[in-house]
Amino acid sequence: PLEQCRKLLHGHTPKLLTATGYGRELVKSIELPYEVKTITEIKAHALGAHALFPDARTVLDIGGQDTKAIALNDKGRVLKFEMNDRCAAGTGKFLEYTAAVFQMDVEQFGKYALEGINPPVINSMCTVFAETEATSLMAQGFPPSDIALALHQAVVRRTCTMLKRTGLEYPLVFSGGVANNACIRNQLQQELGSSATVYIADQPDMCGAFGASLWAEQSCSD
């Protein structure tokens, strides 16, 4: 990752570099001819979501390693948040891992799950145990597409529980790489109800980076 940072930053000379995410402190270890500041993912996603959708009151970010539910006030400031950061359950890594059980890329997995008709109930959200449960269901004769849909539904149920703990208000902004998954989007809307307003940016996985860049711009003008 450190070498990738060097490659990404090579040839750029900004006034200020803002880093966010799990590797934000890593960037500080690189010798750079400009100032480097860090911002938390919570604040970055709140800023990005509010800038894209000013009326948003809740942000759901499902990334590769964690899930975040963030409540916002009318000015886009963070009121409360919940974060699943102790394991990869219900995150992009969970979907990537279970997609491998079906011998397909995670990009294909969501589309494939939409073919499911009668999904069983997946009880475990542990990445390891979910694989075992999926394999067991296959052995029992359940259609693979139904099992794939069941895994997506398990992610959405877990996510909605987290959202409710933040005092879910609408509109909701769904960000992070998992927002590109068609089945997760579909199941989230079904779980929340057809009247729930859910916004998704054109590039939902860039929402946090966009928020970090806005904070950098503000810091330079102060």
Protein backbone atom coordinates (compact mmCIF):
# COMPACT_ATOMS: atom_id res chain seq x y z
CA PRO A 1 0.00 0.00 0.00
CA LEU A 2 2.80 2.45 0.79
CA GLU A 3 4.35 1.93 -2.63
CA GLN A 4 0.94 2.45 -4.26
CA CYS A 5 0.62 5.76 -2.38
CA ARG A 6 3.98 6.89 -3.76
CA LYS A 7 2.91 6.04 -7.30
CA LEU A 8 -0.42 7.84 -6.93
CA LEU A 9 1.19 10.98 -5.54
CA HIS A 10 4.11 11.11 -7.97
CA GLY A 11 4.09 14.30 -10.03
CA HIS A 12 1.39 16.03 -7.98
CA THR A 13 2.12 19.21 -6.02
CA PRO A 14 -1.04 20.28 -4.18
CA LYS A 15 -1.12 22.95 -1.51
CA LEU A 16 -2.48 20.38 0.90
CA LEU A 17 -3.06 16.64 0.79
CA THR A 18 -5.89 15.20 2.86
CA ALA A 19 -5.94 11.47 3.55
CA THR A 20 -8.81 9.44 4.94
CA GLY A 21 -9.58 5.76 5.49
CA TYR A 22 -7.57 3.04 7.18
CA GLY A 23 -4.33 4.07 5.48
CA ARG A 24 -4.52 7.75 6.33
CA GLU A 25 -1.71 7.65 8.89
CA LEU A 26 0.44 5.64 6.47
CA VAL A 27 0.56 8.59 4.07
CA LYS A 28 2.25 10.69 6.73
CA SER A 29 5.27 8.38 6.61
CA ILE A 30 6.05 9.46 3.03
CA GLU A 31 8.40 12.42 2.65
CA LEU A 32 6.43 14.97 0.64
CA PRO A 33 7.12 18.62 -0.23
CA TYR A 34 3.66 19.70 0.94
CA GLU A 35 1.47 19.50 4.04
CA VAL A 36 -0.47 16.34 4.79
CA LYS A 37 -3.57 16.30 7.01
CA THR A 38 -5.94 13.49 7.89
CA ILE A 39 -9.70 13.34 8.31
CA THR A 40 -11.84 10.51 9.69
CA GLU A 41 -13.98 8.49 7.30
CA ILE A 42 -17.09 9.50 9.25
CA LYS A 43 -16.49 13.20 8.68
CA ALA A 44 -15.36 12.67 5.08
CA HIS A 45 -18.48 10.71 4.13
CA ALA A 46 -20.74 13.21 5.88
CA LEU A 47 -19.16 16.12 3.98
CA GLY A 48 -19.31 14.29 0.66
CA ALA A 49 -22.90 13.15 1.09
CA HIS A 50 -24.12 16.60 2.19
CA ALA A 51 -22.39 18.29 -0.75
CA LEU A 52 -23.94 15.88 -3.24
CA PHE A 53 -27.37 15.73 -1.57
CA PRO A 54 -27.91 18.75 0.74
CA ASP A 55 -31.21 17.45 2.14
CA ALA A 56 -29.72 14.13 3.28
CA ARG A 57 -30.27 13.18 6.93
CA THR A 58 -28.60 9.77 7.06
CA VAL A 59 -25.57 8.24 5.35
CA LEU A 60 -25.01 4.52 4.89
CA ASP A 61 -21.49 3.65 3.80
CA ILE A 62 -20.70 -0.01 3.11
CA GLY A 63 -17.08 -0.34 2.07
CA GLY A 64 -14.63 -3.17 1.75
CA GLN A 65 -13.79 -3.46 5.44
CA ASP A 66 -16.56 -1.83 7.46
CA THR A 67 -20.11 -0.47 7.52
CA LYS A 68 -20.99 2.99 8.80
CA ALA A 69 -24.41 4.51 9.56
CA ILE A 70 -24.24 8.28 10.10
CA ALA A 71 -27.02 10.64 11.23
CA LEU A 72 -26.75 14.24 9.95
CA ASN A 73 -28.37 17.52 10.91
CA ASP A 74 -29.71 19.97 8.33
CA LYS A 75 -26.23 21.49 7.92
CA GLY A 76 -24.61 18.13 7.22
CA ARG A 77 -22.90 17.81 10.58
CA VAL A 78 -22.60 14.42 12.26
CA LEU A 79 -25.10 13.89 15.08
CA LYS A 80 -24.48 10.20 15.75
CA PHE A 81 -22.91 7.21 14.08
CA GLU A 82 -22.69 3.44 14.33
CA MET A 83 -19.78 1.49 12.90
CA ASN A 84 -19.11 -2.19 12.36
CA ASP A 85 -15.33 -2.36 12.45
CA ARG A 86 -14.59 -5.50 14.46
CA CYS A 87 -14.92 -7.95 11.58
CA ALA A 88 -15.79 -8.04 7.88
CA ALA A 89 -19.36 -9.32 8.40
CA GLY A 90 -21.77 -7.63 6.03
CA THR A 91 -19.10 -5.63 4.18
CA GLY A 92 -17.68 -5.72 0.69
CA LYS A 93 -15.10 -8.26 1.85
CA PHE A 94 -17.95 -10.52 3.01
CA LEU A 95 -19.56 -10.33 -0.45
CA GLU A 96 -16.21 -10.85 -2.15
CA TYR A 97 -15.49 -13.91 -0.03
CA THR A 98 -18.92 -15.47 -0.56
CA ALA A 99 -18.82 -14.69 -4.29
CA ALA A 100 -15.71 -16.87 -4.45
CA VAL A 101 -17.82 -19.78 -3.14
CA PHE A 102 -19.94 -19.36 -6.29
CA GLN A 103 -16.77 -19.15 -8.40
CA MET A 104 -17.52 -15.67 -9.72
CA ASP A 105 -16.24 -12.13 -9.35
CA VAL A 106 -17.92 -9.89 -6.79
CA GLU A 107 -18.99 -7.58 -9.65
CA GLN A 108 -21.09 -10.43 -11.09
CA PHE A 109 -22.41 -11.62 -7.74
CA GLY A 110 -25.07 -8.95 -7.25
CA LYS A 111 -26.55 -9.43 -10.72
CA TYR A 112 -26.59 -13.19 -10.22
CA ALA A 113 -28.36 -12.85 -6.85
CA LEU A 114 -31.18 -10.93 -8.55
CA GLU A 115 -32.07 -14.20 -10.29
CA GLY A 116 -33.03 -15.74 -6.93
CA ILE A 117 -36.72 -16.48 -6.36
CA ASN A 118 -37.19 -18.32 -3.06
CA PRO A 119 -34.21 -17.57 -0.79
CA PRO A 120 -33.64 -19.54 2.43
CA VAL A 121 -32.72 -17.68 5.63
CA ILE A 122 -28.99 -17.26 6.28
CA ASN A 123 -28.47 -17.03 10.04
CA SER A 124 -24.73 -16.47 10.28
CA MET A 125 -23.07 -13.22 9.23
CA CYS A 126 -19.59 -14.47 10.13
CA THR A 127 -17.67 -14.62 6.85
CA VAL A 128 -16.34 -18.11 7.60
CA PHE A 129 -19.60 -19.57 8.93
CA ALA A 130 -21.63 -18.03 6.10
CA GLU A 131 -19.51 -19.95 3.61
CA THR A 132 -20.18 -23.15 5.56
CA GLU A 133 -23.92 -22.41 5.66
CA ALA A 134 -24.03 -21.62 1.95
CA THR A 135 -22.20 -24.85 1.13
CA SER A 136 -24.61 -26.80 3.34
CA LEU A 137 -27.63 -25.25 1.59
CA MET A 138 -26.18 -26.20 -1.77
CA ALA A 139 -25.80 -29.78 -0.56
CA GLN A 140 -29.48 -29.73 0.44
CA GLY A 141 -30.44 -28.86 -3.13
CA PHE A 142 -31.27 -25.14 -2.86
CA PRO A 143 -30.68 -23.31 -6.17
CA PRO A 144 -27.40 -21.34 -6.02
CA SER A 145 -29.12 -18.11 -7.11
CA ASP A 146 -31.55 -18.42 -4.16
CA ILE A 147 -28.61 -18.85 -1.78
CA ALA A 148 -26.84 -15.85 -3.32
CA LEU A 149 -29.98 -13.76 -2.80
CA ALA A 150 -30.22 -15.00 0.80
CA LEU A 151 -26.66 -13.83 1.49
CA HIS A 152 -27.48 -10.37 0.14
CA GLN A 153 -30.65 -10.22 2.24
CA ALA A 154 -28.63 -11.09 5.35
CA VAL A 155 -26.31 -8.14 4.66
CA VAL A 156 -29.28 -5.76 4.26
CA ARG A 157 -31.03 -6.97 7.44
CA ARG A 158 -27.86 -6.41 9.45
CA THR A 159 -27.36 -2.99 7.86
CA CYS A 160 -30.92 -1.82 8.55
CA THR A 161 -30.57 -2.76 12.22
CA MET A 162 -27.52 -0.50 12.39
CA LEU A 163 -29.36 2.31 10.60
CA LYS A 164 -32.26 2.17 13.06
CA ARG A 165 -29.85 2.54 15.98
CA THR A 166 -28.78 5.92 14.60
CA GLY A 167 -32.42 7.12 14.46
CA LEU A 168 -32.87 6.65 10.71
CA GLU A 169 -34.29 9.68 8.92
CA TYR A 170 -34.74 10.29 5.21
CA PRO A 171 -33.40 11.08 2.68
CA LEU A 172 -30.73 8.39 3.02
CA VAL A 173 -27.49 8.48 1.04
CA PHE A 174 -26.06 5.05 0.22
CA SER A 175 -22.32 5.32 -0.42
CA GLY A 176 -19.30 3.04 -0.61
CA GLY A 177 -18.33 0.39 -3.13
CA VAL A 178 -21.17 -1.95 -2.13
CA ALA A 179 -23.64 0.69 -3.36
CA ASN A 180 -22.63 -0.48 -6.85
CA ASN A 181 -24.18 -3.89 -6.09
CA ALA A 182 -27.58 -4.05 -7.83
CA CYS A 183 -29.01 -6.70 -5.49
CA ILE A 184 -28.02 -4.82 -2.32
CA ARG A 185 -29.63 -1.65 -3.71
CA ASN A 186 -32.78 -3.57 -4.58
CA GLN A 187 -33.05 -5.33 -1.23
CA LEU A 188 -32.30 -2.16 0.75
CA GLN A 189 -35.16 -0.33 -0.95
CA GLN A 190 -37.49 -3.27 -0.28
CA GLU A 191 -36.47 -3.47 3.37
CA LEU A 192 -36.92 0.28 3.93
CA GLY A 193 -40.13 0.50 1.90
CA SER A 194 -40.98 1.98 -1.48
CA SER A 195 -41.68 5.40 0.04
CA ALA A 196 -38.16 5.69 1.53
CA THR A 197 -35.97 8.19 -0.32
CA VAL A 198 -32.57 6.63 -1.04
CA TYR A 199 -29.93 8.60 -2.95
CA ILE A 200 -26.97 6.94 -4.67
CA ALA A 201 -24.26 9.00 -6.35
CA ASP A 202 -22.96 8.16 -9.82
CA GLN A 203 -19.71 7.04 -8.19
CA PRO A 204 -20.72 6.04 -4.65
CA ASP A 205 -17.28 4.65 -3.82
CA MET A 206 -15.81 8.17 -4.25
CA CYS A 207 -18.10 9.89 -1.74
CA GLY A 208 -15.57 9.80 1.11
CA ALA A 209 -12.70 10.97 -1.08
CA PHE A 210 -14.87 13.80 -2.37
CA GLY A 211 -15.67 14.87 1.19
CA ALA A 212 -11.98 14.78 2.11
CA SER A 213 -11.14 16.98 -0.87
CA LEU A 214 -13.82 19.51 0.14
CA TRP A 215 -12.34 19.64 3.63
CA ALA A 216 -8.86 20.20 2.13
CA GLU A 217 -10.20 23.05 -0.01
CA GLN A 218 -11.82 24.66 3.04
CA SER A 219 -8.61 24.23 5.07
CA CYS A 220 -6.61 26.01 2.37
CA SER A 221 -9.00 28.96 2.29
CA ASP A 222 -9.12 29.42 6.09
